[in-house]
Amino acid sequence: MRNDTATALLRDQHRLILKVVAAFECAMRPDDALPPAHDVEAFITFFRLFTDACHHGKEEDLLFAAMEEHGMGGEGGPIDALRDEHRTGRALVRAMNEAAPKLSTAEAGAAFRRNAAAYVDFIRGHIAREDDGLFEVADTRIDGPACAALCDAYETVCRRRFEGVTMAHLERMAEELIESYPAG
């Protein structure tokens, strides 16, 4: 199914990511014990494979490249800033992943919670900047055949496997996490 704008699919993915982030935040309530190891692993896997490898990969490899082809690039501009933000997100997820096997220790648990809180704040702000800024511009400048080609390329990425995992599996994982840790 083709989307009607250059960022429709990415915006849909943002909504799913934000639901998982809300579940993650619920799972990480300060007064509660940390979630079971398999849930921690599932959250990290979702953030690594869905949010970063698939979603941010589409933005970096496809959307940002299309925007630059349409004259929306420029060194030190908003696209470069968002690429830097993607690196920040990767670093936070990597730090959580490194602490996860040692969560039974107070030091690792505290480091995990610190990085989890930072990631929640980071990803919400990042998504807001994309949805309310760069994506608005992209949707006005990339249209017609260029939009169709971009959306087709997104769909090709969505059919890939990420470390052997399909998008359907990652989406099921997200729904399970959302159901297990209902927000609000």
Foldseek 3Di string as FASTA:
>chain_A
DADQFLCPVLVVLLVLLLLLLLLCCLQLPPVDQHDDLVLLVLSLCLCPVVVQVQNVVLCVVFVVVLCVVLVNDDPPDPSVVLVVLSVVLVVLSVLLVVLSVVCVDPVSVVSNSVSSVVNSVSSVVSSCCVVVPVRVVRRVRQHDPSSRVSRVVSVVSQQDAGVNHHNVRSSVSSVVSCVVRPGD
